[in-house]
Amino acid sequence: MTTAQLNSEIWHSMSIIADDEGLMRRAAKYLRNLAAEKTADPTEMSREDFFARVDAAKKGKSKAFSNVAELDNYIRSL
C-alpha cells in the first residue's frame, strides 16, 4: 500500500468517526501516543543503520587506545 493510499484510508476512516466525540477522543489519544513513540528517542537507529555504520567504520581510519587515560586525553584534545 502506498503512502497516498494509506493517507486516503486514514482520512476516510476519520470522516466516518468525525461526528462521534468519544471515538474522536480515542483516535486523538492513540495518535498522540503513536507520535510520542516516533519522537521518543531521536538517537535510536534501526539495526540495519547501526550495522551499516559499523561496517563503514571498519573500512575507515581508526584509533586504538591502550587505556582510558589515553582515550580521555585524545577526546579532550579535539
PDB file of N, CA and C in Angstrom:
ATOM      1  N   MET A   1       0.854  -1.176   0.000  1.00  0.00           N
ATOM      2  CA  MET A   1       0.000   0.000   0.000  1.00  0.00           C
ATOM      3  C   MET A   1       0.901   1.242   0.000  1.00  0.00           C
ATOM      4  N   THR A   2       0.599   2.175  -0.861  1.00  0.00           N
ATOM      5  CA  THR A   2       1.410   3.385  -0.965  1.00  0.00           C
ATOM      6  C   THR A   2       1.039   4.379   0.122  1.00  0.00           C
ATOM      7  N   THR A   3       1.873   5.385   0.293  1.00  0.00           N
ATOM      8  CA  THR A   3       1.598   6.428   1.276  1.00  0.00           C
ATOM      9  C   THR A   3       0.309   7.157   0.939  1.00  0.00           C
ATOM     10  N   ALA A   4       0.081   7.420  -0.340  1.00  0.00           N
ATOM     11  CA  ALA A   4      -1.148   8.099  -0.753  1.00  0.00           C
ATOM     12  C   ALA A   4      -2.374   7.256  -0.417  1.00  0.00           C
ATOM     13  N   GLN A   5      -2.288   5.952  -0.624  1.00  0.00           N
ATOM     14  CA  GLN A   5      -3.412   5.072  -0.288  1.00  0.00           C
ATOM     15  C   GLN A   5      -3.652   5.040   1.213  1.00  0.00           C
ATOM     16  N   LEU A   6      -2.573   4.973   1.993  1.00  0.00           N
ATOM     17  CA  LEU A   6      -2.723   4.997   3.451  1.00  0.00           C
ATOM     18  C   LEU A   6      -3.341   6.307   3.915  1.00  0.00           C
ATOM     19  N   ASN A   7      -2.876   7.406   3.337  1.00  0.00           N
ATOM     20  CA  ASN A   7      -3.407   8.715   3.683  1.00  0.00           C
ATOM     21  C   ASN A   7      -4.907   8.766   3.387  1.00  0.00           C
ATOM     22  N   SER A   8      -5.296   8.276   2.234  1.00  0.00           N
ATOM     23  CA  SER A   8      -6.704   8.255   1.841  1.00  0.00           C
ATOM     24  C   SER A   8      -7.526   7.399   2.808  1.00  0.00           C
ATOM     25  N   GLU A   9      -6.997   6.240   3.161  1.00  0.00           N
ATOM     26  CA  GLU A   9      -7.707   5.350   4.087  1.00  0.00           C
ATOM     27  C   GLU A   9      -7.890   5.994   5.453  1.00  0.00           C
ATOM     28  N   ILE A  10      -6.850   6.652   5.930  1.00  0.00           N
ATOM     29  CA  ILE A  10      -6.932   7.318   7.243  1.00  0.00           C
ATOM     30  C   ILE A  10      -7.984   8.415   7.215  1.00  0.00           C
ATOM     31  N   TRP A  11      -7.965   9.252   6.175  1.00  0.00           N
ATOM     32  CA  TRP A  11      -8.948  10.343   6.095  1.00  0.00           C
ATOM     33  C   TRP A  11     -10.362   9.802   5.938  1.00  0.00           C
ATOM     34  N   HIS A  12     -10.523   8.713   5.197  1.00  0.00           N
ATOM     35  CA  HIS A  12     -11.845   8.101   5.057  1.00  0.00           C
ATOM     36  C   HIS A  12     -12.344   7.620   6.424  1.00  0.00           C
ATOM     37  N   SER A  13     -11.480   6.945   7.163  1.00  0.00           N
ATOM     38  CA  SER A  13     -11.858   6.462   8.495  1.00  0.00           C
ATOM     39  C   SER A  13     -12.179   7.615   9.431  1.00  0.00           C
ATOM     40  N   MET A  14     -11.413   8.688   9.320  1.00  0.00           N
ATOM     41  CA  MET A  14     -11.669   9.862  10.170  1.00  0.00           C
ATOM     42  C   MET A  14     -13.036  10.470   9.847  1.00  0.00           C
ATOM     43  N   SER A  15     -13.405  10.490   8.574  1.00  0.00           N
ATOM     44  CA  SER A  15     -14.706  11.066   8.203  1.00  0.00           C
ATOM     45  C   SER A  15     -15.853  10.246   8.772  1.00  0.00           C
ATOM     46  N   ILE A  16     -15.656   8.950   8.912  1.00  0.00           N
ATOM     47  CA  ILE A  16     -16.706   8.081   9.460  1.00  0.00           C
ATOM     48  C   ILE A  16     -16.923   8.362  10.946  1.00  0.00           C
ATOM     49  N   ILE A  17     -15.839   8.590  11.701  1.00  0.00           N
ATOM     50  CA  ILE A  17     -15.978   8.779  13.152  1.00  0.00           C
ATOM     51  C   ILE A  17     -16.049  10.252  13.552  1.00  0.00           C
ATOM     52  N   ALA A  18     -16.003  11.166  12.583  1.00  0.00           N
ATOM     53  CA  ALA A  18     -15.925  12.600  12.889  1.00  0.00           C
ATOM     54  C   ALA A  18     -17.103  13.113  13.702  1.00  0.00           C
ATOM     55  N   ASP A  19     -18.262  12.508  13.584  1.00  0.00           N
ATOM     56  CA  ASP A  19     -19.427  13.013  14.307  1.00  0.00           C
ATOM     57  C   ASP A  19     -19.600  12.380  15.685  1.00  0.00           C
ATOM     58  N   ASP A  20     -18.686  11.504  16.095  1.00  0.00           N
ATOM     59  CA  ASP A  20     -18.756  10.860  17.410  1.00  0.00           C
ATOM     60  C   ASP A  20     -17.598  11.357  18.265  1.00  0.00           C
ATOM     61  N   GLU A  21     -17.908  12.220  19.234  1.00  0.00           N
ATOM     62  CA  GLU A  21     -16.855  12.836  20.045  1.00  0.00           C
ATOM     63  C   GLU A  21     -16.021  11.804  20.800  1.00  0.00           C
ATOM     64  N   GLY A  22     -16.655  10.766  21.304  1.00  0.00           N
ATOM     65  CA  GLY A  22     -15.931   9.738  22.041  1.00  0.00           C
ATOM     66  C   GLY A  22     -14.902   9.025  21.180  1.00  0.00           C
ATOM     67  N   LEU A  23     -15.321   8.659  19.977  1.00  0.00           N
ATOM     68  CA  LEU A  23     -14.386   7.993  19.062  1.00  0.00           C
ATOM     69  C   LEU A  23     -13.263   8.938  18.641  1.00  0.00           C
ATOM     70  N   MET A  24     -13.586  10.202  18.421  1.00  0.00           N
ATOM     71  CA  MET A  24     -12.556  11.173  18.045  1.00  0.00           C
ATOM     72  C   MET A  24     -11.540  11.348  19.174  1.00  0.00           C
ATOM     73  N   ARG A  25     -12.024  11.364  20.419  1.00  0.00           N
ATOM     74  CA  ARG A  25     -11.100  11.476  21.565  1.00  0.00           C
ATOM     75  C   ARG A  25     -10.166  10.272  21.625  1.00  0.00           C
ATOM     76  N   ARG A  26     -10.737   9.069  21.412  1.00  0.00           N
ATOM     77  CA  ARG A  26      -9.905   7.857  21.415  1.00  0.00           C
ATOM     78  C   ARG A  26      -8.878   7.897  20.292  1.00  0.00           C
ATOM     79  N   ALA A  27      -9.302   8.334  19.117  1.00  0.00           N
ATOM     80  CA  ALA A  27      -8.386   8.420  17.973  1.00  0.00           C
ATOM     81  C   ALA A  27      -7.276   9.434  18.258  1.00  0.00           C
ATOM     82  N   ALA A  28      -7.650  10.588  18.831  1.00  0.00           N
ATOM     83  CA  ALA A  28      -6.659  11.616  19.137  1.00  0.00           C
ATOM     84  C   ALA A  28      -5.653  11.101  20.169  1.00  0.00           C
ATOM     85  N   LYS A  29      -6.145  10.383  21.180  1.00  0.00           N
ATOM     86  CA  LYS A  29      -5.251   9.833  22.204  1.00  0.00           C
ATOM     87  C   LYS A  29      -4.290   8.816  21.580  1.00  0.00           C
ATOM     88  N   TYR A  30      -4.818   7.953  20.733  1.00  0.00           N
ATOM     89  CA  TYR A  30      -3.979   6.954  20.080  1.00  0.00           C
ATOM     90  C   TYR A  30      -2.920   7.629  19.205  1.00  0.00           C
ATOM     91  N   LEU A  31      -3.328   8.639  18.448  1.00  0.00           N
ATOM     92  CA  LEU A  31      -2.383   9.332  17.573  1.00  0.00           C
ATOM     93  C   LEU A  31      -1.309  10.067  18.371  1.00  0.00           C
ATOM     94  N   ARG A  32      -1.687  10.657  19.517  1.00  0.00           N
ATOM     95  CA  ARG A  32      -0.682  11.299  20.380  1.00  0.00           C
ATOM     96  C   ARG A  32       0.336  10.276  20.864  1.00  0.00           C
ATOM     97  N   ASN A  33      -0.148   9.118  21.302  1.00  0.00           N
ATOM     98  CA  ASN A  33       0.759   8.063  21.773  1.00  0.00           C
ATOM     99  C   ASN A  33       1.658   7.558  20.650  1.00  0.00           C
ATOM    100  N   LEU A  34       1.097   7.411  19.470  1.00  0.00           N
ATOM    101  CA  LEU A  34       1.859   6.951  18.323  1.00  0.00           C
ATOM    102  C   LEU A  34       2.941   7.966  17.948  1.00  0.00           C
ATOM    103  N   ALA A  35       2.591   9.239  17.964  1.00  0.00           N
ATOM    104  CA  ALA A  35       3.556  10.297  17.655  1.00  0.00           C
ATOM    105  C   ALA A  35       4.647  10.341  18.717  1.00  0.00           C
ATOM    106  N   ALA A  36       4.290  10.108  19.976  1.00  0.00           N
ATOM    107  CA  ALA A  36       5.279  10.120  21.057  1.00  0.00           C
ATOM    108  C   ALA A  36       6.282   8.984  20.871  1.00  0.00           C
ATOM    109  N   GLU A  37       5.825   7.837  20.388  1.00  0.00           N
ATOM    110  CA  GLU A  37       6.742   6.723  20.116  1.00  0.00           C
ATOM    111  C   GLU A  37       7.758   7.114  19.057  1.00  0.00           C
ATOM    112  N   LYS A  38       7.303   7.811  18.041  1.00  0.00           N
ATOM    113  CA  LYS A  38       8.187   8.210  16.941  1.00  0.00           C
ATOM    114  C   LYS A  38       9.238   9.195  17.414  1.00  0.00           C
ATOM    115  N   THR A  39       8.865  10.096  18.288  1.00  0.00           N
ATOM    116  CA  THR A  39       9.784  11.141  18.724  1.00  0.00           C
ATOM    117  C   THR A  39      10.434  10.832  20.068  1.00  0.00           C
ATOM    118  N   ALA A  40      10.197   9.648  20.604  1.00  0.00           N
ATOM    119  CA  ALA A  40      10.705   9.325  21.938  1.00  0.00           C
ATOM    120  C   ALA A  40      12.225   9.392  22.023  1.00  0.00           C
ATOM    121  N   ASP A  41      12.927   8.840  21.052  1.00  0.00           N
ATOM    122  CA  ASP A  41      14.379   8.802  21.112  1.00  0.00           C
ATOM    123  C   ASP A  41      14.971   9.111  19.739  1.00  0.00           C
ATOM    124  N   PRO A  42      15.345  10.363  19.522  1.00  0.00           N
ATOM    125  CA  PRO A  42      15.874  10.728  18.206  1.00  0.00           C
ATOM    126  C   PRO A  42      17.220  10.085  17.889  1.00  0.00           C
ATOM    127  N   THR A  43      17.892   9.531  18.900  1.00  0.00           N
ATOM    128  CA  THR A  43      19.191   8.903  18.659  1.00  0.00           C
ATOM    129  C   THR A  43      19.061   7.425  18.296  1.00  0.00           C
ATOM    130  N   GLU A  44      17.863   6.877  18.445  1.00  0.00           N
ATOM    131  CA  GLU A  44      17.670   5.466  18.152  1.00  0.00           C
ATOM    132  C   GLU A  44      17.749   5.233  16.641  1.00  0.00           C
ATOM    133  N   MET A  45      18.415   4.152  16.263  1.00  0.00           N
ATOM    134  CA  MET A  45      18.516   3.819  14.843  1.00  0.00           C
ATOM    135  C   MET A  45      18.167   2.355  14.648  1.00  0.00           C
ATOM    136  N   SER A  46      17.855   2.008  13.421  1.00  0.00           N
ATOM    137  CA  SER A  46      17.498   0.630  13.114  1.00  0.00           C
ATOM    138  C   SER A  46      18.747  -0.255  13.167  1.00  0.00           C
ATOM    139  N   ARG A  47      18.527  -1.548  13.257  1.00  0.00           N
ATOM    140  CA  ARG A  47      19.651  -2.498  13.255  1.00  0.00           C
ATOM    141  C   ARG A  47      20.463  -2.364  11.970  1.00  0.00           C
ATOM    142  N   GLU A  48      19.744  -2.182  10.855  1.00  0.00           N
ATOM    143  CA  GLU A  48      20.427  -2.068   9.564  1.00  0.00           C
ATOM    144  C   GLU A  48      21.328  -0.837   9.542  1.00  0.00           C
ATOM    145  N   ASP A  49      20.806   0.299  10.043  1.00  0.00           N
ATOM    146  CA  ASP A  49      21.614   1.524  10.079  1.00  0.00           C
ATOM    147  C   ASP A  49      22.829   1.353  10.982  1.00  0.00           C
ATOM    148  N   PHE A  50      22.610   0.715  12.127  1.00  0.00           N
ATOM    149  CA  PHE A  50      23.704   0.517  13.075  1.00  0.00           C
ATOM    150  C   PHE A  50      24.831  -0.301  12.442  1.00  0.00           C
ATOM    151  N   PHE A  51      24.464  -1.446  11.851  1.00  0.00           N
ATOM    152  CA  PHE A  51      25.487  -2.311  11.277  1.00  0.00           C
ATOM    153  C   PHE A  51      26.120  -1.697  10.033  1.00  0.00           C
ATOM    154  N   ALA A  52      25.372  -0.881   9.304  1.00  0.00           N
ATOM    155  CA  ALA A  52      25.962  -0.171   8.165  1.00  0.00           C
ATOM    156  C   ALA A  52      27.027   0.807   8.661  1.00  0.00           C
ATOM    157  N   ARG A  53      26.757   1.478   9.769  1.00  0.00           N
ATOM    158  CA  ARG A  53      27.742   2.400  10.334  1.00  0.00           C
ATOM    159  C   ARG A  53      28.961   1.645  10.849  1.00  0.00           C
ATOM    160  N   VAL A  54      28.734   0.489  11.459  1.00  0.00           N
ATOM    161  CA  VAL A  54      29.856  -0.331  11.947  1.00  0.00           C
ATOM    162  C   VAL A  54      30.715  -0.766  10.771  1.00  0.00           C
ATOM    163  N   ASP A  55      30.089  -1.251   9.702  1.00  0.00           N
ATOM    164  CA  ASP A  55      30.842  -1.678   8.520  1.00  0.00           C
ATOM    165  C   ASP A  55      31.625  -0.516   7.908  1.00  0.00           C
ATOM    166  N   ALA A  56      31.002   0.655   7.836  1.00  0.00           N
ATOM    167  CA  ALA A  56      31.685   1.833   7.283  1.00  0.00           C
ATOM    168  C   ALA A  56      32.865   2.226   8.161  1.00  0.00           C
ATOM    169  N   ALA A  57      32.690   2.107   9.470  1.00  0.00           N
ATOM    170  CA  ALA A  57      33.784   2.458  10.386  1.00  0.00           C
ATOM    171  C   ALA A  57      34.952   1.482  10.245  1.00  0.00           C
ATOM    172  N   LYS A  58      34.665   0.229   9.982  1.00  0.00           N
ATOM    173  CA  LYS A  58      35.732  -0.764   9.811  1.00  0.00           C
ATOM    174  C   LYS A  58      36.588  -0.451   8.596  1.00  0.00           C
ATOM    175  N   LYS A  59      35.989   0.164   7.567  1.00  0.00           N
ATOM    176  CA  LYS A  59      36.711   0.471   6.341  1.00  0.00           C
ATOM    177  C   LYS A  59      37.518   1.761   6.453  1.00  0.00           C
ATOM    178  N   GLY A  60      37.157   2.624   7.395  1.00  0.00           N
ATOM    179  CA  GLY A  60      37.819   3.916   7.522  1.00  0.00           C
ATOM    180  C   GLY A  60      38.982   3.897   8.489  1.00  0.00           C
ATOM    181  N   LYS A  61      39.532   5.096   8.749  1.00  0.00           N
ATOM    182  CA  LYS A  61      40.628   5.219   9.712  1.00  0.00           C
ATOM    183  C   LYS A  61      40.107   4.919  11.110  1.00  0.00           C
ATOM    184  N   SER A  62      40.943   4.322  11.906  1.00  0.00           N
ATOM    185  CA  SER A  62      40.536   4.042  13.277  1.00  0.00           C
ATOM    186  C   SER A  62      41.679   4.362  14.227  1.00  0.00           C
ATOM    187  N   LYS A  63      41.349   4.489  15.470  1.00  0.00           N
ATOM    188  CA  LYS A  63      42.330   4.749  16.510  1.00  0.00           C
ATOM    189  C   LYS A  63      42.166   3.677  17.582  1.00  0.00           C
ATOM    190  N   ALA A  64      43.261   3.326  18.191  1.00  0.00           N
ATOM    191  CA  ALA A  64      43.222   2.362  19.285  1.00  0.00           C
ATOM    192  C   ALA A  64      43.900   2.987  20.498  1.00  0.00           C
ATOM    193  N   PHE A  65      43.375   2.703  21.658  1.00  0.00           N
ATOM    194  CA  PHE A  65      43.918   3.241  22.896  1.00  0.00           C
ATOM    195  C   PHE A  65      44.184   2.093  23.849  1.00  0.00           C
ATOM    196  N   SER A  66      45.308   2.170  24.534  1.00  0.00           N
ATOM    197  CA  SER A  66      45.670   1.073  25.435  1.00  0.00           C
ATOM    198  C   SER A  66      45.022   1.212  26.805  1.00  0.00           C
ATOM    199  N   ASN A  67      44.563   2.429  27.126  1.00  0.00           N
ATOM    200  CA  ASN A  67      43.884   2.609  28.411  1.00  0.00           C
ATOM    201  C   ASN A  67      42.927   3.801  28.325  1.00  0.00           C
ATOM    202  N   VAL A  68      42.139   3.971  29.348  1.00  0.00           N
ATOM    203  CA  VAL A  68      41.117   5.016  29.379  1.00  0.00           C
ATOM    204  C   VAL A  68      41.746   6.397  29.414  1.00  0.00           C
ATOM    205  N   ALA A  69      42.866   6.541  30.080  1.00  0.00           N
ATOM    206  CA  ALA A  69      43.522   7.852  30.163  1.00  0.00           C
ATOM    207  C   ALA A  69      43.930   8.345  28.773  1.00  0.00           C
ATOM    208  N   GLU A  70      44.441   7.449  27.944  1.00  0.00           N
ATOM    209  CA  GLU A  70      44.799   7.819  26.569  1.00  0.00           C
ATOM    210  C   GLU A  70      43.576   8.285  25.796  1.00  0.00           C
ATOM    211  N   LEU A  71      42.497   7.554  25.946  1.00  0.00           N
ATOM    212  CA  LEU A  71      41.255   7.914  25.269  1.00  0.00           C
ATOM    213  C   LEU A  71      40.770   9.282  25.764  1.00  0.00           C
ATOM    214  N   ASP A  72      40.788   9.469  27.053  1.00  0.00           N
ATOM    215  CA  ASP A  72      40.367  10.758  27.641  1.00  0.00           C
ATOM    216  C   ASP A  72      41.203  11.907  27.112  1.00  0.00           C
ATOM    217  N   ASN A  73      42.513  11.733  27.083  1.00  0.00           N
ATOM    218  CA  ASN A  73      43.388  12.780  26.556  1.00  0.00           C
ATOM    219  C   ASN A  73      43.094  13.075  25.090  1.00  0.00           C
ATOM    220  N   TYR A  74      42.836  12.032  24.318  1.00  0.00           N
ATOM    221  CA  TYR A  74      42.529  12.233  22.911  1.00  0.00           C
ATOM    222  C   TYR A  74      41.234  13.040  22.739  1.00  0.00           C
ATOM    223  N   ILE A  75      40.221  12.652  23.469  1.00  0.00           N
ATOM    224  CA  ILE A  75      38.918  13.343  23.361  1.00  0.00           C
ATOM    225  C   ILE A  75      39.049  14.797  23.808  1.00  0.00           C
ATOM    226  N   ARG A  76      39.777  15.045  24.852  1.00  0.00           N
ATOM    227  CA  ARG A  76      39.942  16.431  25.331  1.00  0.00           C
ATOM    228  C   ARG A  76      40.748  17.289  24.337  1.00  0.00           C
ATOM    229  N   SER A  77      41.549  16.651  23.512  1.00  0.00           N
ATOM    230  CA  SER A  77      42.353  17.389  22.558  1.00  0.00           C
ATOM    231  C   SER A  77      41.555  17.792  21.309  1.00  0.00           C
ATOM    232  N   LEU A  78      40.395  17.224  21.138  1.00  0.00           N
ATOM    233  CA  LEU A  78      39.599  17.523  19.931  1.00  0.00           C
ATOM    234  C   LEU A  78      38.982  18.898  19.979  1.00  0.00           C
TER     235      LEU A  78
END
